[in-house]
Amino acid sequence: MKKEAKATHTWQENADAINDFAKGKTIAQLEAATKELDGKTKKSDITDVVSGATFADTDGYLKSIIDAAKLAK
């Protein structure tokens, strides 16, 4: 990822950051975070919302967590 996508964190570090961010949050809180991420593409803007995450698709990962949480209800 570092070579091809110029990633500053490993996939695991990003996944852990997203997981840690989502833990203990309600669906509504996660949905609010995805709204904050809408349109953000700069890594610094993304990490302002989800500390430690630099995935360009952090929003998509959070939306997947939201979808799974809604299914689990």
N, C-alpha and C. Protein backbone atom coordinates (compact mmCIF):
# COMPACT_ATOMS: atom_id res chain seq x y z
N MET A 1 0.82 -1.19 0.00
CA MET A 1 0.00 0.00 0.00
C MET A 1 0.87 1.26 0.00
N LYS A 2 2.00 1.18 0.66
CA LYS A 2 2.85 2.36 0.70
C LYS A 2 3.38 2.69 -0.69
N LYS A 3 3.78 1.66 -1.43
CA LYS A 3 4.36 1.89 -2.76
C LYS A 3 3.31 2.33 -3.77
N GLU A 4 2.20 1.61 -3.86
CA GLU A 4 1.20 1.86 -4.89
C GLU A 4 0.29 3.04 -4.58
N ALA A 5 -0.16 3.15 -3.35
CA ALA A 5 -1.15 4.18 -3.00
C ALA A 5 -0.56 5.30 -2.16
N LYS A 6 0.74 5.26 -1.92
CA LYS A 6 1.41 6.27 -1.09
C LYS A 6 0.80 6.33 0.31
N ALA A 7 0.40 5.16 0.81
CA ALA A 7 -0.23 5.08 2.14
C ALA A 7 0.78 5.42 3.23
N THR A 8 0.31 6.10 4.23
CA THR A 8 1.17 6.43 5.37
C THR A 8 0.96 5.48 6.53
N HIS A 9 -0.10 4.70 6.47
CA HIS A 9 -0.39 3.68 7.49
C HIS A 9 -0.64 2.36 6.77
N THR A 10 -0.41 1.27 7.48
CA THR A 10 -0.71 -0.04 6.91
C THR A 10 -2.21 -0.25 6.88
N TRP A 11 -2.64 -1.26 6.13
CA TRP A 11 -4.06 -1.59 6.08
C TRP A 11 -4.55 -1.89 7.49
N GLN A 12 -3.77 -2.67 8.24
CA GLN A 12 -4.17 -3.06 9.59
C GLN A 12 -4.30 -1.85 10.50
N GLU A 13 -3.38 -0.90 10.41
CA GLU A 13 -3.46 0.31 11.24
C GLU A 13 -4.73 1.10 10.93
N ASN A 14 -5.06 1.21 9.65
CA ASN A 14 -6.28 1.90 9.26
C ASN A 14 -7.52 1.17 9.77
N ALA A 15 -7.55 -0.14 9.55
CA ALA A 15 -8.70 -0.93 9.99
C ALA A 15 -8.87 -0.84 11.50
N ASP A 16 -7.76 -0.91 12.23
CA ASP A 16 -7.82 -0.79 13.70
C ASP A 16 -8.34 0.58 14.12
N ALA A 17 -7.91 1.64 13.43
CA ALA A 17 -8.36 2.99 13.77
C ALA A 17 -9.87 3.12 13.55
N ILE A 18 -10.35 2.57 12.46
CA ILE A 18 -11.80 2.63 12.17
C ILE A 18 -12.57 1.81 13.20
N ASN A 19 -12.06 0.63 13.51
CA ASN A 19 -12.70 -0.24 14.49
C ASN A 19 -12.74 0.43 15.87
N ASP A 20 -11.62 1.00 16.27
CA ASP A 20 -11.56 1.67 17.57
C ASP A 20 -12.52 2.86 17.62
N PHE A 21 -12.61 3.58 16.51
CA PHE A 21 -13.53 4.73 16.43
C PHE A 21 -14.97 4.27 16.58
N ALA A 22 -15.32 3.17 15.93
CA ALA A 22 -16.71 2.71 15.91
C ALA A 22 -17.16 2.06 17.22
N LYS A 23 -16.24 1.49 17.95
CA LYS A 23 -16.58 0.80 19.20
C LYS A 23 -17.33 1.71 20.15
N GLY A 24 -18.47 1.22 20.64
CA GLY A 24 -19.22 1.94 21.66
C GLY A 24 -20.09 3.07 21.13
N LYS A 25 -20.03 3.32 19.82
CA LYS A 25 -20.85 4.40 19.25
C LYS A 25 -22.20 3.85 18.81
N THR A 26 -23.19 4.70 18.85
CA THR A 26 -24.52 4.33 18.36
C THR A 26 -24.53 4.46 16.84
N ILE A 27 -25.55 3.89 16.22
CA ILE A 27 -25.71 4.02 14.78
C ILE A 27 -25.83 5.50 14.42
N ALA A 28 -26.57 6.26 15.19
CA ALA A 28 -26.73 7.68 14.92
C ALA A 28 -25.40 8.43 14.97
N GLN A 29 -24.56 8.08 15.92
CA GLN A 29 -23.25 8.73 16.02
C GLN A 29 -22.37 8.39 14.81
N LEU A 30 -22.44 7.14 14.38
CA LEU A 30 -21.66 6.73 13.21
C LEU A 30 -22.19 7.40 11.94
N GLU A 31 -23.50 7.52 11.84
CA GLU A 31 -24.09 8.21 10.68
C GLU A 31 -23.66 9.68 10.66
N ALA A 32 -23.57 10.30 11.81
CA ALA A 32 -23.11 11.69 11.89
C ALA A 32 -21.66 11.79 11.41
N ALA A 33 -20.86 10.81 11.76
CA ALA A 33 -19.46 10.82 11.32
C ALA A 33 -19.37 10.66 9.81
N THR A 34 -20.22 9.82 9.23
CA THR A 34 -20.17 9.65 7.77
C THR A 34 -20.58 10.94 7.07
N LYS A 35 -21.49 11.68 7.67
CA LYS A 35 -21.87 12.98 7.10
C LYS A 35 -20.69 13.95 7.14
N GLU A 36 -19.92 13.88 8.22
CA GLU A 36 -18.73 14.73 8.31
C GLU A 36 -17.69 14.35 7.25
N LEU A 37 -17.63 13.07 6.92
CA LEU A 37 -16.65 12.60 5.95
C LEU A 37 -17.06 12.84 4.50
N ASP A 38 -18.34 13.07 4.25
CA ASP A 38 -18.81 13.28 2.88
C ASP A 38 -18.00 14.35 2.17
N GLY A 39 -17.43 13.97 1.04
CA GLY A 39 -16.68 14.91 0.23
C GLY A 39 -15.25 15.15 0.65
N LYS A 40 -14.85 14.60 1.79
CA LYS A 40 -13.47 14.79 2.24
C LYS A 40 -12.56 13.79 1.52
N THR A 41 -11.49 14.28 0.95
CA THR A 41 -10.56 13.41 0.26
C THR A 41 -9.14 13.54 0.80
N LYS A 42 -8.85 14.66 1.45
CA LYS A 42 -7.51 14.84 2.01
C LYS A 42 -7.36 13.99 3.27
N LYS A 43 -6.22 13.31 3.38
CA LYS A 43 -5.97 12.46 4.54
C LYS A 43 -6.11 13.23 5.84
N SER A 44 -5.65 14.47 5.87
CA SER A 44 -5.72 15.24 7.11
C SER A 44 -7.17 15.52 7.49
N ASP A 45 -8.04 15.72 6.50
CA ASP A 45 -9.46 15.95 6.79
C ASP A 45 -10.12 14.67 7.32
N ILE A 46 -9.72 13.54 6.75
CA ILE A 46 -10.28 12.25 7.20
C ILE A 46 -9.84 11.95 8.63
N THR A 47 -8.57 12.18 8.92
CA THR A 47 -8.09 11.89 10.28
C THR A 47 -8.66 12.85 11.30
N ASP A 48 -9.15 14.01 10.86
CA ASP A 48 -9.84 14.91 11.78
C ASP A 48 -11.14 14.28 12.29
N VAL A 49 -11.73 13.40 11.50
CA VAL A 49 -12.98 12.74 11.88
C VAL A 49 -12.67 11.40 12.56
N VAL A 50 -11.84 10.59 11.94
CA VAL A 50 -11.48 9.27 12.48
C VAL A 50 -9.97 9.26 12.69
N SER A 51 -9.55 9.54 13.90
CA SER A 51 -8.13 9.64 14.21
C SER A 51 -7.39 8.35 13.84
N GLY A 52 -6.31 8.51 13.10
CA GLY A 52 -5.48 7.37 12.73
C GLY A 52 -5.86 6.71 11.42
N ALA A 53 -7.02 7.05 10.86
CA ALA A 53 -7.46 6.43 9.61
C ALA A 53 -7.13 7.34 8.44
N THR A 54 -6.47 6.78 7.45
CA THR A 54 -6.13 7.56 6.26
C THR A 54 -6.70 6.93 4.99
N PHE A 55 -7.52 5.89 5.13
CA PHE A 55 -8.15 5.29 3.95
C PHE A 55 -8.97 6.35 3.23
N ALA A 56 -8.86 6.39 1.93
CA ALA A 56 -9.70 7.31 1.14
C ALA A 56 -11.17 6.93 1.30
N ASP A 57 -11.43 5.65 1.59
CA ASP A 57 -12.81 5.19 1.73
C ASP A 57 -13.19 4.89 3.18
N THR A 58 -12.66 5.66 4.11
CA THR A 58 -13.03 5.49 5.52
C THR A 58 -14.54 5.58 5.66
N ASP A 59 -15.15 6.49 4.92
CA ASP A 59 -16.60 6.66 4.92
C ASP A 59 -17.31 5.35 4.55
N GLY A 60 -16.82 4.70 3.54
CA GLY A 60 -17.41 3.43 3.10
C GLY A 60 -17.29 2.33 4.14
N TYR A 61 -16.16 2.29 4.82
CA TYR A 61 -15.98 1.30 5.88
C TYR A 61 -16.98 1.56 7.02
N LEU A 62 -17.13 2.82 7.39
CA LEU A 62 -18.09 3.15 8.45
C LEU A 62 -19.52 2.82 8.02
N LYS A 63 -19.85 3.09 6.77
CA LYS A 63 -21.19 2.76 6.28
C LYS A 63 -21.43 1.26 6.30
N SER A 64 -20.41 0.47 6.05
CA SER A 64 -20.54 -0.99 6.14
C SER A 64 -20.80 -1.43 7.58
N ILE A 65 -20.13 -0.78 8.52
CA ILE A 65 -20.37 -1.08 9.94
C ILE A 65 -21.79 -0.71 10.31
N ILE A 66 -22.25 0.43 9.84
CA ILE A 66 -23.63 0.87 10.10
C ILE A 66 -24.63 -0.13 9.54
N ASP A 67 -24.42 -0.56 8.29
CA ASP A 67 -25.31 -1.54 7.66
C ASP A 67 -25.34 -2.84 8.46
N ALA A 68 -24.19 -3.29 8.90
CA ALA A 68 -24.13 -4.53 9.70
C ALA A 68 -24.85 -4.36 11.03
N ALA A 69 -24.67 -3.20 11.66
CA ALA A 69 -25.34 -2.95 12.94
C ALA A 69 -26.86 -2.92 12.77
N LYS A 70 -27.32 -2.34 11.68
CA LYS A 70 -28.77 -2.30 11.43
C LYS A 70 -29.33 -3.69 11.18
N LEU A 71 -28.57 -4.53 10.51
CA LEU A 71 -29.01 -5.90 10.27
C LEU A 71 -29.04 -6.72 11.56
N ALA A 72 -28.14 -6.40 12.46
CA ALA A 72 -28.05 -7.14 13.72
C ALA A 72 -29.16 -6.80 14.69
N LYS A 73 -29.87 -5.69 14.45
CA LYS A 73 -30.94 -5.25 15.35
C LYS A 73 -32.10 -6.21 15.34
